[in-house]
């Protein structure tokens, strides 16, 4: 299975470079600065930084009545924007709230473990984890 993972959450300085890189990748020319359109989320709780990433758990795929979210051979859940009906149920069920949707788009975006955020992070906090896919 291929997924975004966190090396050292304590090393994160909340510069949000990873969030910006992700948002730019999905929403190149849109006003992503005023919306939370990143598939990675840096939060602050009780003076601690928490990094929320897609665990590739598949809850979004199980909820999708249009079957627009499927697992690829590397174990990454991918959203087919042509099949998606834009109901938003996948976003509601995401335990980490990292499925996002711009008001100007008919379908949401989710992490595809592309590594753009990993490359953008100046503190080397993130990495792409690749394990053998079972079955």
N, C-alpha and C. Protein backbone atom coordinates (compact mmCIF):
# COMPACT_ATOMS: atom_id res chain seq x y z
N UNK A 1 0.83 -1.17 0.00
CA UNK A 1 0.00 0.00 0.00
C UNK A 1 0.89 1.25 0.00
N UNK A 2 0.49 2.20 -0.78
CA UNK A 2 1.21 3.46 -0.89
C UNK A 2 0.36 4.54 -0.22
N UNK A 3 0.98 5.30 0.71
CA UNK A 3 0.24 6.38 1.36
C UNK A 3 1.20 7.41 1.94
N UNK A 4 0.66 8.58 2.17
CA UNK A 4 1.41 9.65 2.82
C UNK A 4 1.53 9.31 4.30
N UNK A 5 2.72 9.49 4.85
CA UNK A 5 2.94 9.18 6.27
C UNK A 5 3.76 10.29 6.91
N UNK A 6 3.79 10.28 8.22
CA UNK A 6 4.48 11.31 9.00
C UNK A 6 5.69 10.70 9.68
N UNK A 7 6.88 11.29 9.43
CA UNK A 7 8.10 10.82 10.08
C UNK A 7 8.17 11.29 11.52
N UNK A 8 8.04 12.59 11.71
CA UNK A 8 8.20 13.17 13.04
C UNK A 8 7.28 14.37 13.18
N UNK A 9 6.11 14.13 13.74
CA UNK A 9 5.12 15.20 13.90
C UNK A 9 5.67 16.37 14.71
N UNK A 10 6.54 16.09 15.66
CA UNK A 10 7.11 17.15 16.51
C UNK A 10 8.04 18.08 15.75
N UNK A 11 8.54 17.64 14.61
CA UNK A 11 9.44 18.48 13.82
C UNK A 11 8.68 19.52 12.98
N UNK A 12 7.38 19.35 12.86
CA UNK A 12 6.57 20.27 12.05
C UNK A 12 6.55 21.65 12.71
N UNK A 13 6.82 22.67 11.91
CA UNK A 13 6.79 24.04 12.43
C UNK A 13 5.58 24.81 11.92
N UNK A 14 4.62 24.09 11.34
CA UNK A 14 3.36 24.67 10.87
C UNK A 14 3.57 25.82 9.90
N UNK A 15 4.52 25.65 8.99
CA UNK A 15 4.75 26.68 7.97
C UNK A 15 3.69 26.63 6.88
N UNK A 16 2.98 25.51 6.80
CA UNK A 16 1.89 25.26 5.85
C UNK A 16 2.35 25.14 4.40
N UNK A 17 3.63 24.97 4.18
CA UNK A 17 4.16 24.80 2.83
C UNK A 17 3.59 23.55 2.18
N UNK A 18 3.41 22.50 2.95
CA UNK A 18 2.84 21.26 2.43
C UNK A 18 1.40 21.48 1.98
N UNK A 19 0.63 22.20 2.79
CA UNK A 19 -0.76 22.50 2.45
C UNK A 19 -0.83 23.32 1.16
N UNK A 20 0.00 24.33 1.05
CA UNK A 20 -0.01 25.18 -0.13
C UNK A 20 0.38 24.41 -1.39
N UNK A 21 1.39 23.54 -1.26
CA UNK A 21 1.82 22.74 -2.41
C UNK A 21 0.70 21.82 -2.89
N UNK A 22 0.00 21.20 -1.95
CA UNK A 22 -1.11 20.31 -2.29
C UNK A 22 -2.24 21.09 -2.95
N UNK A 23 -2.63 22.19 -2.35
CA UNK A 23 -3.72 23.00 -2.90
C UNK A 23 -3.39 23.50 -4.30
N UNK A 24 -2.16 23.93 -4.51
CA UNK A 24 -1.75 24.40 -5.84
C UNK A 24 -1.78 23.27 -6.85
N UNK A 25 -1.42 22.07 -6.43
CA UNK A 25 -1.41 20.94 -7.36
C UNK A 25 -2.81 20.61 -7.85
N UNK A 26 -3.79 20.65 -6.96
CA UNK A 26 -5.16 20.32 -7.33
C UNK A 26 -5.93 21.50 -7.91
N UNK A 27 -5.63 22.69 -7.45
CA UNK A 27 -6.42 23.88 -7.82
C UNK A 27 -5.49 24.98 -8.33
N UNK A 28 -4.81 24.72 -9.40
CA UNK A 28 -3.75 25.59 -9.93
C UNK A 28 -4.12 27.07 -10.02
N UNK A 29 -5.19 27.39 -10.67
CA UNK A 29 -5.51 28.78 -10.94
C UNK A 29 -6.70 29.32 -10.16
N UNK A 30 -7.12 28.57 -9.14
CA UNK A 30 -8.28 29.02 -8.38
C UNK A 30 -7.83 29.75 -7.12
N UNK A 31 -8.77 30.41 -6.48
CA UNK A 31 -8.47 31.18 -5.29
C UNK A 31 -8.36 30.25 -4.08
N UNK A 32 -7.37 29.38 -4.08
CA UNK A 32 -7.20 28.39 -3.03
C UNK A 32 -6.72 29.00 -1.73
N UNK A 33 -6.22 30.22 -1.77
CA UNK A 33 -5.71 30.84 -0.55
C UNK A 33 -6.82 31.14 0.44
N UNK A 34 -8.03 31.36 -0.01
CA UNK A 34 -9.12 31.71 0.89
C UNK A 34 -9.93 30.49 1.31
N UNK A 35 -9.57 29.32 0.85
CA UNK A 35 -10.30 28.11 1.18
C UNK A 35 -9.32 27.05 1.63
N UNK A 36 -9.78 26.13 2.42
CA UNK A 36 -8.93 25.01 2.81
C UNK A 36 -9.07 23.91 1.77
N UNK A 37 -8.22 23.97 0.77
CA UNK A 37 -8.32 23.02 -0.35
C UNK A 37 -7.13 22.06 -0.41
N UNK A 38 -6.49 21.84 0.70
CA UNK A 38 -5.38 20.92 0.76
C UNK A 38 -5.85 19.58 1.28
N UNK A 39 -5.29 18.51 0.74
CA UNK A 39 -5.62 17.16 1.20
C UNK A 39 -4.73 16.74 2.37
N UNK A 40 -4.02 17.70 2.92
CA UNK A 40 -3.27 17.52 4.17
C UNK A 40 -3.67 18.71 5.04
N UNK A 41 -3.82 18.49 6.32
CA UNK A 41 -4.31 19.54 7.19
C UNK A 41 -3.43 19.67 8.43
N UNK A 42 -2.88 20.84 8.64
CA UNK A 42 -2.08 21.13 9.83
C UNK A 42 -2.98 21.88 10.80
N UNK A 43 -3.18 21.32 11.99
CA UNK A 43 -4.04 21.96 12.99
C UNK A 43 -3.26 22.23 14.26
N UNK A 44 -3.83 23.09 15.07
CA UNK A 44 -3.25 23.41 16.39
C UNK A 44 -4.28 23.04 17.44
N UNK A 45 -3.87 22.19 18.37
CA UNK A 45 -4.74 21.81 19.48
C UNK A 45 -3.92 21.82 20.76
N UNK A 46 -4.36 22.60 21.71
CA UNK A 46 -3.69 22.68 23.01
C UNK A 46 -2.19 22.91 22.86
N UNK A 47 -1.84 23.92 22.08
CA UNK A 47 -0.44 24.30 21.84
C UNK A 47 0.40 23.21 21.17
N UNK A 48 -0.25 22.24 20.56
CA UNK A 48 0.46 21.20 19.82
C UNK A 48 0.02 21.23 18.37
N UNK A 49 0.95 20.93 17.49
CA UNK A 49 0.65 20.84 16.07
C UNK A 49 0.27 19.41 15.76
N UNK A 50 -0.82 19.26 15.03
CA UNK A 50 -1.30 17.94 14.62
C UNK A 50 -1.39 17.93 13.10
N UNK A 51 -0.82 16.91 12.49
CA UNK A 51 -0.84 16.76 11.04
C UNK A 51 -1.88 15.70 10.69
N UNK A 52 -2.85 16.07 9.87
CA UNK A 52 -3.88 15.13 9.45
C UNK A 52 -3.66 14.78 7.98
N UNK A 53 -3.52 13.49 7.71
CA UNK A 53 -3.30 13.01 6.35
C UNK A 53 -4.26 11.86 6.05
N UNK A 54 -4.43 11.58 4.78
CA UNK A 54 -5.28 10.47 4.35
C UNK A 54 -4.59 9.15 4.70
N UNK A 55 -5.33 8.29 5.40
CA UNK A 55 -4.80 6.99 5.79
C UNK A 55 -5.09 5.91 4.75
N UNK A 56 -5.74 6.30 3.63
CA UNK A 56 -6.15 5.35 2.60
C UNK A 56 -6.97 4.23 3.22
N UNK A 57 -7.88 4.62 4.12
CA UNK A 57 -8.69 3.64 4.85
C UNK A 57 -9.85 3.08 4.02
N UNK A 58 -10.28 3.81 3.01
CA UNK A 58 -11.33 3.32 2.13
C UNK A 58 -12.75 3.66 2.57
N UNK A 59 -12.92 4.39 3.66
CA UNK A 59 -14.27 4.76 4.10
C UNK A 59 -14.97 5.58 3.03
N UNK A 60 -14.23 6.42 2.34
CA UNK A 60 -14.81 7.23 1.27
C UNK A 60 -15.35 6.34 0.15
N UNK A 61 -14.60 5.31 -0.21
CA UNK A 61 -15.02 4.41 -1.28
C UNK A 61 -16.26 3.61 -0.89
N UNK A 62 -16.32 3.17 0.37
CA UNK A 62 -17.47 2.40 0.84
C UNK A 62 -18.74 3.23 0.85
N UNK A 63 -18.59 4.53 1.08
CA UNK A 63 -19.73 5.44 1.16
C UNK A 63 -20.21 5.89 -0.21
N UNK A 64 -19.35 5.87 -1.19
CA UNK A 64 -19.65 6.42 -2.52
C UNK A 64 -20.67 5.55 -3.27
N UNK A 65 -21.89 6.05 -3.38
CA UNK A 65 -22.95 5.32 -4.07
C UNK A 65 -22.72 5.26 -5.58
N UNK A 66 -21.96 6.21 -6.11
CA UNK A 66 -21.66 6.22 -7.55
C UNK A 66 -20.47 5.33 -7.90
N UNK A 67 -19.84 4.75 -6.90
CA UNK A 67 -18.63 3.93 -7.07
C UNK A 67 -17.54 4.68 -7.82
N UNK A 68 -17.42 5.96 -7.50
CA UNK A 68 -16.44 6.81 -8.16
C UNK A 68 -15.06 6.74 -7.50
N UNK A 69 -14.99 6.09 -6.34
CA UNK A 69 -13.71 5.97 -5.64
C UNK A 69 -13.33 4.50 -5.60
N UNK A 70 -12.19 4.20 -6.21
CA UNK A 70 -11.72 2.82 -6.27
C UNK A 70 -10.25 2.76 -5.87
N UNK A 71 -9.83 1.58 -5.44
CA UNK A 71 -8.44 1.37 -5.03
C UNK A 71 -7.61 0.95 -6.23
N UNK A 72 -6.49 1.62 -6.44
CA UNK A 72 -5.61 1.24 -7.54
C UNK A 72 -4.67 0.11 -7.10
N UNK A 73 -3.88 -0.46 -8.00
CA UNK A 73 -3.01 -1.58 -7.63
C UNK A 73 -2.00 -1.27 -6.52
N UNK A 74 -1.68 0.01 -6.31
CA UNK A 74 -0.74 0.38 -5.24
C UNK A 74 -1.45 0.62 -3.91
N UNK A 75 -2.77 0.43 -3.87
CA UNK A 75 -3.52 0.59 -2.63
C UNK A 75 -4.00 1.99 -2.37
N UNK A 76 -3.90 2.88 -3.35
CA UNK A 76 -4.34 4.26 -3.20
C UNK A 76 -5.77 4.38 -3.71
N UNK A 77 -6.62 4.97 -2.89
CA UNK A 77 -8.00 5.21 -3.31
C UNK A 77 -8.03 6.45 -4.20
N UNK A 78 -8.54 6.25 -5.41
CA UNK A 78 -8.56 7.31 -6.43
C UNK A 78 -10.01 7.68 -6.73
N UNK A 79 -10.23 8.97 -6.96
CA UNK A 79 -11.56 9.46 -7.27
C UNK A 79 -11.67 9.71 -8.77
N UNK A 80 -12.66 9.10 -9.39
CA UNK A 80 -12.91 9.32 -10.81
C UNK A 80 -13.89 10.50 -10.92
N UNK A 81 -13.38 11.63 -11.35
CA UNK A 81 -14.19 12.85 -11.41
C UNK A 81 -15.30 12.76 -12.45
N UNK A 82 -15.16 11.89 -13.44
CA UNK A 82 -16.21 11.72 -14.45
C UNK A 82 -17.39 10.93 -13.89
N UNK A 83 -17.12 10.04 -12.96
CA UNK A 83 -18.17 9.21 -12.37
C UNK A 83 -18.80 9.87 -11.14
N UNK A 84 -18.04 10.72 -10.48
CA UNK A 84 -18.51 11.38 -9.25
C UNK A 84 -19.75 12.23 -9.52
N UNK A 85 -20.73 12.12 -8.62
CA UNK A 85 -21.96 12.91 -8.74
C UNK A 85 -21.93 14.14 -7.84
N UNK A 86 -20.87 14.31 -7.05
CA UNK A 86 -20.71 15.49 -6.22
C UNK A 86 -21.61 15.55 -5.00
N UNK A 87 -22.04 14.42 -4.50
CA UNK A 87 -22.97 14.40 -3.36
C UNK A 87 -22.30 14.82 -2.05
N UNK A 88 -20.99 14.62 -1.94
CA UNK A 88 -20.25 15.02 -0.74
C UNK A 88 -20.25 14.02 0.39
N UNK A 89 -20.87 12.86 0.20
CA UNK A 89 -20.91 11.86 1.27
C UNK A 89 -19.52 11.36 1.65
N UNK A 90 -18.63 11.28 0.68
CA UNK A 90 -17.26 10.85 0.95
C UNK A 90 -16.55 11.85 1.87
N UNK A 91 -16.81 13.12 1.65
CA UNK A 91 -16.20 14.16 2.48
C UNK A 91 -16.73 14.08 3.91
N UNK A 92 -18.01 13.80 4.05
CA UNK A 92 -18.64 13.70 5.38
C UNK A 92 -18.08 12.54 6.19
N UNK A 93 -17.78 11.43 5.53
CA UNK A 93 -17.35 10.23 6.24
C UNK A 93 -15.84 10.18 6.48
N UNK A 94 -15.08 11.02 5.84
CA UNK A 94 -13.62 11.02 6.00
C UNK A 94 -13.25 11.31 7.46
N UNK A 95 -12.60 10.35 8.13
CA UNK A 95 -12.32 10.53 9.56
C UNK A 95 -11.32 11.67 9.85
N UNK A 96 -10.53 12.03 8.86
CA UNK A 96 -9.53 13.08 9.07
C UNK A 96 -9.89 14.39 8.40
N UNK A 97 -11.04 14.41 7.72
CA UNK A 97 -11.54 15.62 7.03
C UNK A 97 -10.50 16.18 6.06
N UNK A 98 -9.87 15.28 5.31
CA UNK A 98 -8.88 15.71 4.32
C UNK A 98 -9.34 15.49 2.89
N UNK A 99 -10.62 15.19 2.71
CA UNK A 99 -11.21 15.25 1.37
C UNK A 99 -11.80 16.64 1.26
N UNK A 100 -11.44 17.35 0.21
CA UNK A 100 -11.81 18.76 0.09
C UNK A 100 -12.47 19.04 -1.24
N UNK A 101 -13.23 20.13 -1.28
CA UNK A 101 -13.92 20.49 -2.52
C UNK A 101 -14.02 22.01 -2.63
N UNK A 102 -13.63 22.51 -3.77
CA UNK A 102 -13.79 23.94 -4.05
C UNK A 102 -15.23 24.19 -4.46
N UNK A 103 -15.74 25.34 -4.10
CA UNK A 103 -17.11 25.70 -4.48
C UNK A 103 -17.28 25.73 -6.00
N UNK A 104 -16.20 25.96 -6.71
CA UNK A 104 -16.24 26.08 -8.16
C UNK A 104 -16.09 24.75 -8.90
N UNK A 105 -15.93 23.66 -8.15
CA UNK A 105 -15.73 22.35 -8.77
C UNK A 105 -16.87 21.40 -8.43
N UNK A 106 -17.21 20.51 -9.37
CA UNK A 106 -18.31 19.58 -9.12
C UNK A 106 -17.94 18.40 -8.22
N UNK A 107 -16.66 18.10 -8.12
CA UNK A 107 -16.25 16.94 -7.33
C UNK A 107 -15.10 17.29 -6.38
N UNK A 108 -14.96 16.51 -5.31
CA UNK A 108 -13.90 16.78 -4.34
C UNK A 108 -12.54 16.26 -4.81
N UNK A 109 -11.54 16.50 -4.00
CA UNK A 109 -10.20 15.99 -4.22
C UNK A 109 -9.78 15.21 -2.99
N UNK A 110 -8.92 14.23 -3.19
CA UNK A 110 -8.38 13.47 -2.07
C UNK A 110 -6.92 13.16 -2.34
N UNK A 111 -6.21 12.82 -1.30
CA UNK A 111 -4.79 12.51 -1.42
C UNK A 111 -4.60 11.29 -2.32
N UNK A 112 -3.67 11.44 -3.25
CA UNK A 112 -3.33 10.33 -4.15
C UNK A 112 -1.89 9.87 -3.92
N UNK A 113 -1.32 10.28 -2.80
CA UNK A 113 0.05 9.91 -2.43
C UNK A 113 1.05 10.28 -3.51
N UNK A 114 0.89 11.48 -4.06
CA UNK A 114 1.76 11.93 -5.14
C UNK A 114 3.12 12.41 -4.64
N UNK A 115 3.19 12.86 -3.40
CA UNK A 115 4.47 13.29 -2.83
C UNK A 115 4.79 14.76 -3.00
N UNK A 116 3.90 15.54 -3.56
CA UNK A 116 4.16 16.97 -3.73
C UNK A 116 4.38 17.64 -2.37
N UNK A 117 3.57 17.28 -1.39
CA UNK A 117 3.71 17.85 -0.05
C UNK A 117 5.03 17.42 0.60
N UNK A 118 5.45 16.20 0.33
CA UNK A 118 6.71 15.68 0.88
C UNK A 118 7.88 16.52 0.37
N UNK A 119 7.88 16.78 -0.92
CA UNK A 119 8.95 17.58 -1.52
C UNK A 119 8.94 19.02 -1.02
N UNK A 120 7.76 19.53 -0.71
CA UNK A 120 7.62 20.93 -0.29
C UNK A 120 8.03 21.15 1.17
N UNK A 121 7.96 20.14 2.00
CA UNK A 121 8.20 20.31 3.44
C UNK A 121 9.68 20.59 3.73
N UNK A 122 9.98 21.77 4.29
CA UNK A 122 11.39 22.10 4.57
C UNK A 122 11.95 21.35 5.77
N UNK A 123 11.10 20.75 6.58
CA UNK A 123 11.55 20.05 7.79
C UNK A 123 11.62 18.53 7.62
N UNK A 124 11.33 18.04 6.43
CA UNK A 124 11.40 16.61 6.14
C UNK A 124 10.51 15.80 7.09
N UNK A 125 9.29 16.31 7.31
CA UNK A 125 8.36 15.70 8.25
C UNK A 125 7.57 14.55 7.61
N UNK A 126 7.33 14.64 6.31
CA UNK A 126 6.46 13.70 5.61
C UNK A 126 7.25 12.74 4.73
N UNK A 127 6.66 11.61 4.41
CA UNK A 127 7.24 10.69 3.44
C UNK A 127 6.14 9.84 2.84
N UNK A 128 6.45 9.21 1.72
CA UNK A 128 5.51 8.28 1.09
C UNK A 128 5.91 6.89 1.52
N UNK A 129 4.97 6.22 2.18
CA UNK A 129 5.20 4.86 2.69
C UNK A 129 4.67 3.88 1.66
N UNK A 130 5.48 2.90 1.35
CA UNK A 130 5.06 1.87 0.39
C UNK A 130 5.27 0.49 0.99
N UNK A 131 4.16 -0.19 1.24
CA UNK A 131 4.17 -1.55 1.73
C UNK A 131 3.58 -2.45 0.66
N UNK A 132 3.82 -3.72 0.76
CA UNK A 132 3.21 -4.67 -0.17
C UNK A 132 1.70 -4.62 0.00
N UNK A 133 0.98 -4.67 -1.12
CA UNK A 133 -0.47 -4.68 -1.08
C UNK A 133 -0.95 -6.10 -0.91
N UNK A 134 -1.78 -6.30 0.10
CA UNK A 134 -2.29 -7.67 0.36
C UNK A 134 -3.44 -7.98 -0.59
N UNK A 135 -3.46 -9.21 -1.03
CA UNK A 135 -4.55 -9.81 -1.76
C UNK A 135 -4.97 -9.21 -2.98
